[in-house]
Amino acid sequence: MEKVLEVKNLITSFRTKDGVFPAVNGVDFSLSAGETLAIVGESGCGKSVTSLSIMRLLDERSSIISPESSIKFKGKELSQYTNKQMSALRGNEISMVFQDSLTSLNPTLTIMTQMVEPFMVHQNMSKKEARKQAVEMLRKVGIPNPEVRARQYPHELSGGMRQRVIIAMALACNPSVLICDEPTTALDVTIQAQILKMVNALKKDLNTAVILITHDMGVVAEMADRVLVMYGGQVVEEGDCYSIFTSPCHPYTQGLLASIPKINDEGRLFTIDGSVPSLKNMPKGCHFCDRCGHYTQRCRGENPPFYQADGQKVRCFLYDGAAGEVK
């Protein structure tokens, strides 16, 4: 399978008044055409920073991407792209769906005005051609009466319709990679199911690779081929979707899955003790050690490498010696 995106040793840090602290530290993954990769974890674990680093949408005055990091799109190193080249890439070859549809759309412009821009900028279409294509894309994502809706403003549409508009804009130029950052946040379950079904159908039609960023394990089970579990800015487990759900290895992954409410549950729901540490107070060793029931002194002093376990890569000393360290 063709690798459309390869991320190696991604380290993204933020400048603060107390110093420079890494929000993402050593993330590696690759993405093939037509594949859906889910990145999961609690808020603050580095999921969105990873995606914004790929898109180079972080404020350069307050953030630093390490020169040791590599982000390759179709074999080309994105760190060597100028801002103009990245602008040409964004929305054309790599698109992103942000989690808040209301703030992602300009409230002072009609849907049509915002929809025609990617066609005119990236596809060099005339305004007439772009308008026609915009209506067709709105129809493709399931918006009824697209000619009428295109003349409306964002506040006149429901949350589900606005999210469909965002997805239509993101897919306007048939991108090779679509990044969805919590695409169904704040939507009711019916609309959520429709949005996910639509993204899956469009992915199959266009052979688009999808990065799905979420904390909803139900969405992961529905959509993903592979899963990255992130905690404290690092990937702690990686594997195919079936293996992650049937035999989770890392204590954090096990905790996430145990936290999902089940129909026959009685009594209190399971929770993971504690909270995600701040960037300034990250444990020296394993980032999860303060919340883990299996930690040892070694965990407090050393950050574990990846080990192979049940077909997954897992960053945990519990698997030291089981099948060898992953280089």
C-alpha atoms as a PDB file:
ATOM      1  CA  MET A   1       0.000   0.000   0.000  1.00  0.00           C
ATOM      2  CA  GLU A   2       1.172   3.501  -0.843  1.00  0.00           C
ATOM      3  CA  LYS A   3       2.297   5.494   2.209  1.00  0.00           C
ATOM      4  CA  VAL A   4       0.826   8.967   1.854  1.00  0.00           C
ATOM      5  CA  LEU A   5       1.991  10.280   5.238  1.00  0.00           C
ATOM      6  CA  GLU A   6       4.973   9.332   7.410  1.00  0.00           C
ATOM      7  CA  VAL A   7       5.622  10.978  10.773  1.00  0.00           C
ATOM      8  CA  LYS A   8       8.856  10.190  12.589  1.00  0.00           C
ATOM      9  CA  ASN A   9      10.015  11.408  16.000  1.00  0.00           C
ATOM     10  CA  LEU A  10       7.549  14.295  16.102  1.00  0.00           C
ATOM     11  CA  ILE A  11       8.501  16.592  18.993  1.00  0.00           C
ATOM     12  CA  THR A  12       6.422  19.750  19.420  1.00  0.00           C
ATOM     13  CA  SER A  13       7.129  22.054  22.360  1.00  0.00           C
ATOM     14  CA  PHE A  14       5.548  25.247  23.662  1.00  0.00           C
ATOM     15  CA  ARG A  15       7.273  28.294  25.064  1.00  0.00           C
ATOM     16  CA  THR A  16       5.911  29.435  28.422  1.00  0.00           C
ATOM     17  CA  LYS A  17       7.065  31.939  31.036  1.00  0.00           C
ATOM     18  CA  ASP A  18       8.468  28.962  32.989  1.00  0.00           C
ATOM     19  CA  GLY A  19      10.432  27.501  30.078  1.00  0.00           C
ATOM     20  CA  VAL A  20       9.948  25.260  27.025  1.00  0.00           C
ATOM     21  CA  PHE A  21       7.911  22.077  27.501  1.00  0.00           C
ATOM     22  CA  PRO A  22       7.138  19.276  24.981  1.00  0.00           C
ATOM     23  CA  ALA A  23       3.426  18.684  24.295  1.00  0.00           C
ATOM     24  CA  VAL A  24       4.171  15.902  21.815  1.00  0.00           C
ATOM     25  CA  ASN A  25       7.312  13.857  22.350  1.00  0.00           C
ATOM     26  CA  GLY A  26       8.581  11.267  19.868  1.00  0.00           C
ATOM     27  CA  VAL A  27       5.405  10.350  17.986  1.00  0.00           C
ATOM     28  CA  ASP A  28       5.845   7.962  15.018  1.00  0.00           C
ATOM     29  CA  PHE A  29       3.231   6.648  12.590  1.00  0.00           C
ATOM     30  CA  SER A  30       2.514   6.152   8.915  1.00  0.00           C
ATOM     31  CA  LEU A  31      -0.710   6.313   6.933  1.00  0.00           C
ATOM     32  CA  SER A  32      -1.642   4.456   3.750  1.00  0.00           C
ATOM     33  CA  ALA A  33      -4.121   5.476   1.065  1.00  0.00           C
ATOM     34  CA  GLY A  34      -7.692   4.522   2.005  1.00  0.00           C
ATOM     35  CA  GLU A  35      -6.754   3.755   5.634  1.00  0.00           C
ATOM     36  CA  THR A  36      -8.343   5.206   8.767  1.00  0.00           C
ATOM     37  CA  LEU A  37      -5.994   5.778  11.692  1.00  0.00           C
ATOM     38  CA  ALA A  38      -7.616   6.723  15.003  1.00  0.00           C
ATOM     39  CA  ILE A  39      -5.655   8.721  17.582  1.00  0.00           C
ATOM     40  CA  VAL A  40      -7.298   8.383  20.985  1.00  0.00           C
ATOM     41  CA  GLY A  41      -6.718   9.600  24.522  1.00  0.00           C
ATOM     42  CA  GLU A  42      -7.966  12.038  27.134  1.00  0.00           C
ATOM     43  CA  SER A  43      -7.968  15.789  26.637  1.00  0.00           C
ATOM     44  CA  GLY A  44      -4.448  17.150  26.950  1.00  0.00           C
ATOM     45  CA  CYS A  45      -2.641  14.029  25.716  1.00  0.00           C
ATOM     46  CA  GLY A  46      -1.359  15.668  22.503  1.00  0.00           C
ATOM     47  CA  LYS A  47      -3.844  14.478  19.856  1.00  0.00           C
ATOM     48  CA  SER A  48      -4.760  17.872  18.411  1.00  0.00           C
ATOM     49  CA  VAL A  49      -1.200  19.218  18.701  1.00  0.00           C
ATOM     50  CA  THR A  50      -0.064  16.266  16.575  1.00  0.00           C
ATOM     51  CA  SER A  51      -2.548  17.128  13.819  1.00  0.00           C
ATOM     52  CA  LEU A  52      -1.830  20.867  13.939  1.00  0.00           C
ATOM     53  CA  SER A  53       1.897  20.111  13.736  1.00  0.00           C
ATOM     54  CA  ILE A  54       1.323  18.106  10.554  1.00  0.00           C
ATOM     55  CA  MET A  55      -0.707  20.964   9.053  1.00  0.00           C
ATOM     56  CA  ARG A  56       1.799  23.570  10.361  1.00  0.00           C
ATOM     57  CA  LEU A  57      -1.044  25.582  11.859  1.00  0.00           C
ATOM     58  CA  LEU A  58       0.568  26.216  15.257  1.00  0.00           C
ATOM     59  CA  ASP A  59       1.686  29.719  16.143  1.00  0.00           C
ATOM     60  CA  GLU A  60       5.417  29.781  15.365  1.00  0.00           C
ATOM     61  CA  ARG A  61       5.987  32.413  18.075  1.00  0.00           C
ATOM     62  CA  SER A  62       4.846  30.105  20.871  1.00  0.00           C
ATOM     63  CA  SER A  63       5.567  26.621  19.485  1.00  0.00           C
ATOM     64  CA  ILE A  64       8.657  24.766  18.281  1.00  0.00           C
ATOM     65  CA  ILE A  65       8.778  21.642  16.103  1.00  0.00           C
ATOM     66  CA  SER A  66      12.131  19.927  16.618  1.00  0.00           C
ATOM     67  CA  PRO A  67      14.510  19.895  13.628  1.00  0.00           C
ATOM     68  CA  GLU A  68      14.949  16.176  14.409  1.00  0.00           C
ATOM     69  CA  SER A  69      11.280  15.578  13.536  1.00  0.00           C
ATOM     70  CA  SER A  70      10.240  14.377  10.094  1.00  0.00           C
ATOM     71  CA  ILE A  71       6.820  14.771   8.456  1.00  0.00           C
ATOM     72  CA  LYS A  72       6.749  13.380   4.920  1.00  0.00           C
ATOM     73  CA  PHE A  73       3.784  13.682   2.570  1.00  0.00           C
ATOM     74  CA  LYS A  74       4.102  11.393  -0.447  1.00  0.00           C
ATOM     75  CA  GLY A  75       7.823  11.193   0.231  1.00  0.00           C
ATOM     76  CA  LYS A  76       8.396  14.962   0.447  1.00  0.00           C
ATOM     77  CA  GLU A  77       9.572  16.571   3.686  1.00  0.00           C
ATOM     78  CA  LEU A  78       7.000  19.176   4.774  1.00  0.00           C
ATOM     79  CA  SER A  79       9.466  21.007   7.039  1.00  0.00           C
ATOM     80  CA  GLN A  80      11.225  22.183   3.880  1.00  0.00           C
ATOM     81  CA  TYR A  81       8.037  23.687   2.428  1.00  0.00           C
ATOM     82  CA  THR A  82       7.686  27.456   2.447  1.00  0.00           C
ATOM     83  CA  ASN A  83       4.543  29.029   3.928  1.00  0.00           C
ATOM     84  CA  LYS A  84       3.274  29.592   0.373  1.00  0.00           C
ATOM     85  CA  GLN A  85       3.805  25.929  -0.518  1.00  0.00           C
ATOM     86  CA  MET A  86       2.029  24.821   2.680  1.00  0.00           C
ATOM     87  CA  SER A  87      -0.920  27.106   1.885  1.00  0.00           C
ATOM     88  CA  ALA A  88      -1.175  25.450  -1.523  1.00  0.00           C
ATOM     89  CA  LEU A  89      -1.087  22.010   0.141  1.00  0.00           C
ATOM     90  CA  ARG A  90      -3.655  22.713   2.862  1.00  0.00           C
ATOM     91  CA  GLY A  91      -7.218  22.212   1.689  1.00  0.00           C
ATOM     92  CA  ASN A  92      -5.969  20.701  -1.541  1.00  0.00           C
ATOM     93  CA  GLU A  93      -3.844  17.643  -0.727  1.00  0.00           C
ATOM     94  CA  ILE A  94      -4.325  17.589   3.063  1.00  0.00           C
ATOM     95  CA  SER A  95      -7.581  18.843   4.592  1.00  0.00           C
ATOM     96  CA  MET A  96      -8.751  19.162   8.167  1.00  0.00           C
ATOM     97  CA  VAL A  97     -12.185  19.075   9.804  1.00  0.00           C
ATOM     98  CA  PHE A  98     -12.126  21.000  13.090  1.00  0.00           C
ATOM     99  CA  GLN A  99     -14.317  20.059  16.035  1.00  0.00           C
ATOM    100  CA  ASP A 100     -16.343  23.282  16.373  1.00  0.00           C
ATOM    101  CA  SER A 101     -18.286  23.856  13.157  1.00  0.00           C
ATOM    102  CA  LEU A 102     -19.710  27.230  14.270  1.00  0.00           C
ATOM    103  CA  THR A 103     -16.300  28.824  14.828  1.00  0.00           C
ATOM    104  CA  SER A 104     -14.817  27.102  11.762  1.00  0.00           C
ATOM    105  CA  LEU A 105     -17.184  28.999   9.461  1.00  0.00           C
ATOM    106  CA  ASN A 106     -17.181  32.772   8.973  1.00  0.00           C
ATOM    107  CA  PRO A 107     -20.511  34.011  10.405  1.00  0.00           C
ATOM    108  CA  THR A 108     -20.558  37.074   8.108  1.00  0.00           C
ATOM    109  CA  LEU A 109     -20.350  35.119   4.841  1.00  0.00           C
ATOM    110  CA  THR A 110     -22.865  32.835   3.156  1.00  0.00           C
ATOM    111  CA  ILE A 111     -22.131  29.139   2.810  1.00  0.00           C
ATOM    112  CA  MET A 112     -21.692  29.581  -0.950  1.00  0.00           C
ATOM    113  CA  THR A 113     -19.093  32.344  -0.542  1.00  0.00           C
ATOM    114  CA  GLN A 114     -17.049  30.072   1.715  1.00  0.00           C
ATOM    115  CA  MET A 115     -17.596  26.935  -0.372  1.00  0.00           C
ATOM    116  CA  VAL A 116     -16.328  28.375  -3.664  1.00  0.00           C
ATOM    117  CA  GLU A 117     -12.951  29.449  -2.251  1.00  0.00           C
ATOM    118  CA  PRO A 118     -11.157  26.044  -2.350  1.00  0.00           C
ATOM    119  CA  PHE A 119     -12.331  25.428  -5.922  1.00  0.00           C
ATOM    120  CA  MET A 120     -11.180  28.844  -7.128  1.00  0.00           C
ATOM    121  CA  VAL A 121      -7.887  28.890  -5.183  1.00  0.00           C
ATOM    122  CA  HIS A 122      -6.750  25.282  -5.620  1.00  0.00           C
ATOM    123  CA  GLN A 123      -8.561  24.127  -8.779  1.00  0.00           C
ATOM    124  CA  ASN A 124      -8.411  27.412 -10.754  1.00  0.00           C
ATOM    125  CA  MET A 125     -12.140  27.244 -11.508  1.00  0.00           C
ATOM    126  CA  SER A 126     -14.197  30.219 -12.622  1.00  0.00           C
ATOM    127  CA  LYS A 127     -16.744  31.562 -10.130  1.00  0.00           C
ATOM    128  CA  LYS A 128     -19.571  29.991 -12.142  1.00  0.00           C
ATOM    129  CA  GLU A 129     -17.893  26.569 -12.196  1.00  0.00           C
ATOM    130  CA  ALA A 130     -17.031  26.828  -8.491  1.00  0.00           C
ATOM    131  CA  ARG A 131     -20.641  27.634  -7.575  1.00  0.00           C
ATOM    132  CA  LYS A 132     -21.883  24.615  -9.507  1.00  0.00           C
ATOM    133  CA  GLN A 133     -19.291  22.360  -7.882  1.00  0.00           C
ATOM    134  CA  ALA A 134     -20.057  23.756  -4.411  1.00  0.00           C
ATOM    135  CA  VAL A 135     -23.737  22.864  -4.743  1.00  0.00           C
ATOM    136  CA  GLU A 136     -22.770  19.385  -5.953  1.00  0.00           C
ATOM    137  CA  MET A 137     -20.512  18.850  -2.916  1.00  0.00           C
ATOM    138  CA  LEU A 138     -23.274  19.964  -0.537  1.00  0.00           C
ATOM    139  CA  ARG A 139     -25.567  17.462  -2.218  1.00  0.00           C
ATOM    140  CA  LYS A 140     -22.898  14.771  -1.927  1.00  0.00           C
ATOM    141  CA  VAL A 141     -22.668  15.172   1.862  1.00  0.00           C
ATOM    142  CA  GLY A 142     -26.431  14.820   2.205  1.00  0.00           C
ATOM    143  CA  ILE A 143     -27.609  18.403   2.670  1.00  0.00           C
ATOM    144  CA  PRO A 144     -31.206  18.753   1.385  1.00  0.00           C
ATOM    145  CA  ASN A 145     -32.038  21.635  -0.994  1.00  0.00           C
ATOM    146  CA  PRO A 146     -28.334  22.534  -1.408  1.00  0.00           C
ATOM    147  CA  GLU A 147     -29.117  25.473  -3.727  1.00  0.00           C
ATOM    148  CA  VAL A 148     -31.166  27.087  -0.944  1.00  0.00           C
ATOM    149  CA  ARG A 149     -28.780  26.181   1.889  1.00  0.00           C
ATOM    150  CA  ALA A 150     -25.818  27.599  -0.029  1.00  0.00           C
ATOM    151  CA  ARG A 151     -27.378  31.078   0.128  1.00  0.00           C
ATOM    152  CA  GLN A 152     -27.806  30.911   3.913  1.00  0.00           C
ATOM    153  CA  TYR A 153     -25.462  31.967   6.727  1.00  0.00           C
ATOM    154  CA  PRO A 154     -23.897  29.481   9.214  1.00  0.00           C
ATOM    155  CA  HIS A 155     -26.222  30.484  12.074  1.00  0.00           C
ATOM    156  CA  GLU A 156     -29.221  29.488   9.938  1.00  0.00           C
ATOM    157  CA  LEU A 157     -28.064  25.866   9.787  1.00  0.00           C
ATOM    158  CA  SER A 158     -28.188  23.186  12.477  1.00  0.00           C
ATOM    159  CA  GLY A 159     -24.993  21.851  14.059  1.00  0.00           C
ATOM    160  CA  GLY A 160     -25.178  18.686  11.962  1.00  0.00           C
ATOM    161  CA  MET A 161     -25.611  20.642   8.735  1.00  0.00           C
ATOM    162  CA  ARG A 162     -22.720  22.976   9.583  1.00  0.00           C
ATOM    163  CA  GLN A 163     -20.497  19.973  10.198  1.00  0.00           C
ATOM    164  CA  ARG A 164     -21.523  18.557   6.813  1.00  0.00           C
ATOM    165  CA  VAL A 165     -20.589  21.877   5.207  1.00  0.00           C
ATOM    166  CA  ILE A 166     -17.146  21.724   6.870  1.00  0.00           C
ATOM    167  CA  ILE A 167     -16.651  18.174   5.592  1.00  0.00           C
ATOM    168  CA  ALA A 168     -17.818  19.204   2.108  1.00  0.00           C
ATOM    169  CA  MET A 169     -15.246  22.028   2.115  1.00  0.00           C
ATOM    170  CA  ALA A 170     -12.521  19.679   3.358  1.00  0.00           C
ATOM    171  CA  LEU A 171     -13.277  17.145   0.610  1.00  0.00           C
ATOM    172  CA  ALA A 172     -13.801  19.734  -2.126  1.00  0.00           C
ATOM    173  CA  CYS A 173     -10.451  19.080  -3.824  1.00  0.00           C
ATOM    174  CA  ASN A 174     -10.377  15.297  -3.268  1.00  0.00           C
ATOM    175  CA  PRO A 175      -7.514  15.418  -0.719  1.00  0.00           C
ATOM    176  CA  SER A 176      -5.180  12.468  -0.204  1.00  0.00           C
ATOM    177  CA  VAL A 177      -5.359  12.927   3.596  1.00  0.00           C
ATOM    178  CA  LEU A 178      -8.342  14.068   5.680  1.00  0.00           C
ATOM    179  CA  ILE A 179      -7.737  14.914   9.354  1.00  0.00           C
ATOM    180  CA  CYS A 180     -10.913  14.863  11.466  1.00  0.00           C
ATOM    181  CA  ASP A 181     -10.432  16.435  14.906  1.00  0.00           C
ATOM    182  CA  GLU A 182     -13.420  15.343  17.028  1.00  0.00           C
ATOM    183  CA  PRO A 183     -15.769  15.684  14.012  1.00  0.00           C
ATOM    184  CA  THR A 184     -18.886  14.694  15.981  1.00  0.00           C
ATOM    185  CA  THR A 185     -18.344  16.668  19.207  1.00  0.00           C
ATOM    186  CA  ALA A 186     -21.584  18.176  20.599  1.00  0.00           C
ATOM    187  CA  LEU A 187     -23.741  16.420  17.981  1.00  0.00           C
ATOM    188  CA  ASP A 188     -26.574  14.108  19.001  1.00  0.00           C
ATOM    189  CA  VAL A 189     -26.090  10.375  18.385  1.00  0.00           C
ATOM    190  CA  THR A 190     -28.323  10.275  15.296  1.00  0.00           C
ATOM    191  CA  ILE A 191     -26.419  13.065  13.542  1.00  0.00           C
ATOM    192  CA  GLN A 192     -23.132  11.564  14.752  1.00  0.00           C
ATOM    193  CA  ALA A 193     -23.963   8.246  13.091  1.00  0.00           C
ATOM    194  CA  GLN A 194     -24.900  10.015   9.852  1.00  0.00           C
ATOM    195  CA  ILE A 195     -21.647  12.036   9.809  1.00  0.00           C
ATOM    196  CA  LEU A 196     -19.494   8.946  10.428  1.00  0.00           C
ATOM    197  CA  LYS A 197     -21.336   6.928   7.792  1.00  0.00           C
ATOM    198  CA  MET A 198     -20.852   9.761   5.311  1.00  0.00           C
ATOM    199  CA  VAL A 199     -17.099  10.075   6.028  1.00  0.00           C
ATOM    200  CA  ASN A 200     -16.713   6.310   5.558  1.00  0.00           C
ATOM    201  CA  ALA A 201     -18.590   6.368   2.242  1.00  0.00           C
ATOM    202  CA  LEU A 202     -16.619   9.341   0.906  1.00  0.00           C
ATOM    203  CA  LYS A 203     -13.349   7.719   2.022  1.00  0.00           C
ATOM    204  CA  LYS A 204     -14.163   4.615  -0.004  1.00  0.00           C
ATOM    205  CA  ASP A 205     -15.238   6.640  -3.056  1.00  0.00           C
ATOM    206  CA  LEU A 206     -12.115   8.835  -3.096  1.00  0.00           C
ATOM    207  CA  ASN A 207      -9.582   6.411  -1.482  1.00  0.00           C
ATOM    208  CA  THR A 208      -8.790   9.163   1.012  1.00  0.00           C
ATOM    209  CA  ALA A 209      -6.615   8.358   4.030  1.00  0.00           C
ATOM    210  CA  VAL A 210      -8.234   9.530   7.283  1.00  0.00           C
ATOM    211  CA  ILE A 211      -6.744  10.514  10.633  1.00  0.00           C
ATOM    212  CA  LEU A 212      -9.567  10.424  13.181  1.00  0.00           C
ATOM    213  CA  ILE A 213      -8.830  12.233  16.447  1.00  0.00           C
ATOM    214  CA  THR A 214     -11.273  11.362  19.217  1.00  0.00           C
ATOM    215  CA  HIS A 215     -11.722  10.274  22.817  1.00  0.00           C
ATOM    216  CA  ASP A 216     -14.878   8.299  21.929  1.00  0.00           C
ATOM    217  CA  MET A 217     -13.980   4.601  21.751  1.00  0.00           C
ATOM    218  CA  GLY A 218     -17.358   3.824  20.162  1.00  0.00           C
ATOM    219  CA  VAL A 219     -16.444   6.025  17.203  1.00  0.00           C
ATOM    220  CA  VAL A 220     -13.051   4.271  17.003  1.00  0.00           C
ATOM    221  CA  ALA A 221     -14.695   0.832  16.861  1.00  0.00           C
ATOM    222  CA  GLU A 222     -16.981   2.036  14.058  1.00  0.00           C
ATOM    223  CA  MET A 223     -14.387   3.753  11.899  1.00  0.00           C
ATOM    224  CA  ALA A 224     -10.746   2.779  12.493  1.00  0.00           C
ATOM    225  CA  ASP A 225      -8.425   0.304  10.819  1.00  0.00           C
ATOM    226  CA  ARG A 226      -5.523   1.063  13.177  1.00  0.00           C
ATOM    227  CA  VAL A 227      -5.366   2.839  16.546  1.00  0.00           C
ATOM    228  CA  LEU A 228      -2.756   4.987  18.282  1.00  0.00           C
ATOM    229  CA  VAL A 229      -3.367   5.452  22.003  1.00  0.00           C
ATOM    230  CA  MET A 230      -1.701   8.629  23.302  1.00  0.00           C
ATOM    231  CA  TYR A 231      -0.940   9.704  26.840  1.00  0.00           C
ATOM    232  CA  GLY A 232       1.202  12.573  28.093  1.00  0.00           C
ATOM    233  CA  GLY A 233       2.322  13.506  24.586  1.00  0.00           C
ATOM    234  CA  GLN A 234       3.518   9.991  23.715  1.00  0.00           C
ATOM    235  CA  VAL A 235       2.062   6.992  21.921  1.00  0.00           C
ATOM    236  CA  VAL A 236       1.672   4.266  24.556  1.00  0.00           C
ATOM    237  CA  GLU A 237       0.067   1.592  22.367  1.00  0.00           C
ATOM    238  CA  GLU A 238      -0.398   0.959  18.659  1.00  0.00           C
ATOM    239  CA  GLY A 239      -2.243  -1.847  16.908  1.00  0.00           C
ATOM    240  CA  ASP A 240      -5.100  -2.797  14.628  1.00  0.00           C
ATOM    241  CA  CYS A 241      -8.557  -1.865  15.837  1.00  0.00           C
ATOM    242  CA  TYR A 242      -9.725  -5.422  16.576  1.00  0.00           C
ATOM    243  CA  SER A 243      -6.647  -6.252  18.678  1.00  0.00           C
ATOM    244  CA  ILE A 244      -6.850  -3.018  20.668  1.00  0.00           C
ATOM    245  CA  PHE A 245     -10.439  -3.766  21.670  1.00  0.00           C
ATOM    246  CA  THR A 246     -10.118  -7.516  22.283  1.00  0.00           C
ATOM    247  CA  SER A 247      -6.677  -7.628  23.950  1.00  0.00           C
ATOM    248  CA  PRO A 248      -5.545  -4.162  25.112  1.00  0.00           C
ATOM    249  CA  CYS A 249      -2.035  -4.329  26.563  1.00  0.00           C
ATOM    250  CA  HIS A 250      -1.156  -0.983  28.122  1.00  0.00           C
ATOM    251  CA  PRO A 251      -2.780  -0.271  31.530  1.00  0.00           C
ATOM    252  CA  TYR A 252      -3.996   3.074  30.158  1.00  0.00           C
ATOM    253  CA  THR A 253      -5.713   1.446  27.161  1.00  0.00           C
ATOM    254  CA  GLN A 254      -7.249  -1.116  29.485  1.00  0.00           C
ATOM    255  CA  GLY A 255      -8.530   1.717  31.686  1.00  0.00           C
ATOM    256  CA  LEU A 256     -10.032   3.601  28.729  1.00  0.00           C
ATOM    257  CA  LEU A 257     -11.938   0.527  27.566  1.00  0.00           C
ATOM    258  CA  ALA A 258     -13.047  -0.377  31.104  1.00  0.00           C
ATOM    259  CA  SER A 259     -14.474   3.165  31.454  1.00  0.00           C
ATOM    260  CA  ILE A 260     -16.987   2.604  28.638  1.00  0.00           C
ATOM    261  CA  PRO A 261     -20.474   2.161  30.196  1.00  0.00           C
ATOM    262  CA  LYS A 262     -22.114  -1.188  29.450  1.00  0.00           C
ATOM    263  CA  ILE A 263     -25.826  -1.995  29.396  1.00  0.00           C
ATOM    264  CA  ASN A 264     -25.631  -4.618  32.152  1.00  0.00           C
ATOM    265  CA  ASP A 265     -23.299  -2.604  34.433  1.00  0.00           C
ATOM    266  CA  GLU A 266     -24.430  -2.234  38.022  1.00  0.00           C
ATOM    267  CA  GLY A 267     -23.027   0.063  40.669  1.00  0.00           C
ATOM    268  CA  ARG A 268     -20.359   2.698  40.071  1.00  0.00           C
ATOM    269  CA  LEU A 269     -18.703   3.147  36.697  1.00  0.00           C
ATOM    270  CA  PHE A 270     -14.989   2.426  36.415  1.00  0.00           C
ATOM    271  CA  THR A 271     -12.700   5.464  36.371  1.00  0.00           C
ATOM    272  CA  ILE A 272      -8.951   5.923  35.987  1.00  0.00           C
ATOM    273  CA  ASP A 273      -7.620   7.486  39.182  1.00  0.00           C
ATOM    274  CA  GLY A 274      -6.017  10.928  38.980  1.00  0.00           C
ATOM    275  CA  SER A 275      -5.758  13.192  35.967  1.00  0.00           C
ATOM    276  CA  VAL A 276      -3.456  13.864  33.023  1.00  0.00           C
ATOM    277  CA  PRO A 277      -0.298  15.609  34.312  1.00  0.00           C
ATOM    278  CA  SER A 278       0.515  19.103  33.089  1.00  0.00           C
ATOM    279  CA  LEU A 279       3.373  19.643  30.661  1.00  0.00           C
ATOM    280  CA  LYS A 280       5.375  21.290  33.438  1.00  0.00           C
ATOM    281  CA  ASN A 281       4.932  18.374  35.870  1.00  0.00           C
ATOM    282  CA  MET A 282       5.318  15.359  33.589  1.00  0.00           C
ATOM    283  CA  PRO A 283       6.773  12.335  35.464  1.00  0.00           C
ATOM    284  CA  LYS A 284      10.439  11.651  34.710  1.00  0.00           C
ATOM    285  CA  GLY A 285       9.857   8.003  33.800  1.00  0.00           C
ATOM    286  CA  CYS A 286       6.657   6.474  32.426  1.00  0.00           C
ATOM    287  CA  HIS A 287       4.199   9.332  31.995  1.00  0.00           C
ATOM    288  CA  PHE A 288       1.337   7.138  33.259  1.00  0.00           C
ATOM    289  CA  CYS A 289       3.098   5.821  36.378  1.00  0.00           C
ATOM    290  CA  ASP A 290       1.292   8.102  38.867  1.00  0.00           C
ATOM    291  CA  ARG A 291      -2.087   6.682  37.765  1.00  0.00           C
ATOM    292  CA  CYS A 292      -1.057   3.065  37.154  1.00  0.00           C
ATOM    293  CA  GLY A 293      -1.745   0.168  39.513  1.00  0.00           C
ATOM    294  CA  HIS A 294       1.235  -1.818  38.165  1.00  0.00           C
ATOM    295  CA  TYR A 295       4.013   0.759  38.535  1.00  0.00           C
ATOM    296  CA  THR A 296       7.433  -0.057  40.003  1.00  0.00           C
ATOM    297  CA  GLN A 297      10.428   2.088  40.908  1.00  0.00           C
ATOM    298  CA  ARG A 298      11.800   1.407  37.442  1.00  0.00           C
ATOM    299  CA  CYS A 299       8.698   3.067  35.964  1.00  0.00           C
ATOM    300  CA  ARG A 300       9.391   6.207  37.987  1.00  0.00           C
ATOM    301  CA  GLY A 301      12.981   6.476  36.810  1.00  0.00           C
ATOM    302  CA  GLU A 302      12.896   5.264  33.191  1.00  0.00           C
ATOM    303  CA  ASN A 303      10.610   6.021  30.261  1.00  0.00           C
ATOM    304  CA  PRO A 304       9.863   2.598  28.718  1.00  0.00           C
ATOM    305  CA  PRO A 305      10.590   1.898  25.051  1.00  0.00           C
ATOM    306  CA  PHE A 306       8.137   0.031  22.794  1.00  0.00           C
ATOM    307  CA  TYR A 307       7.767  -3.720  23.232  1.00  0.00           C
ATOM    308  CA  GLN A 308       5.929  -6.196  20.997  1.00  0.00           C
ATOM    309  CA  ALA A 309       2.932  -7.842  22.671  1.00  0.00           C
ATOM    310  CA  ASP A 310       0.011  -9.728  21.070  1.00  0.00           C
ATOM    311  CA  GLY A 311       0.688  -8.032  17.730  1.00  0.00           C
ATOM    312  CA  GLN A 312       0.660  -4.537  19.259  1.00  0.00           C
ATOM    313  CA  LYS A 313       3.438  -2.115  20.085  1.00  0.00           C
ATOM    314  CA  VAL A 314       3.156  -1.164  23.745  1.00  0.00           C
ATOM    315  CA  ARG A 315       5.234   1.269  25.826  1.00  0.00           C
ATOM    316  CA  CYS A 316       5.255  -0.589  29.151  1.00  0.00           C
ATOM    317  CA  PHE A 317       7.850  -2.489  31.224  1.00  0.00           C
ATOM    318  CA  LEU A 318       5.257  -5.216  31.921  1.00  0.00           C
ATOM    319  CA  TYR A 319       6.211  -6.599  28.494  1.00  0.00           C
ATOM    320  CA  ASP A 320       9.985  -6.364  28.900  1.00  0.00           C
ATOM    321  CA  GLY A 321      11.311  -9.744  27.795  1.00  0.00           C
ATOM    322  CA  ALA A 322       7.965 -10.971  26.444  1.00  0.00           C
ATOM    323  CA  ALA A 323       8.830 -10.596  22.745  1.00  0.00           C
ATOM    324  CA  GLY A 324      11.681  -8.138  22.640  1.00  0.00           C
ATOM    325  CA  GLU A 325      12.017  -4.387  22.253  1.00  0.00           C
ATOM    326  CA  VAL A 326      10.713  -2.797  19.042  1.00  0.00           C
ATOM    327  CA  LYS A 327      13.508  -0.865  17.347  1.00  0.00           C
END
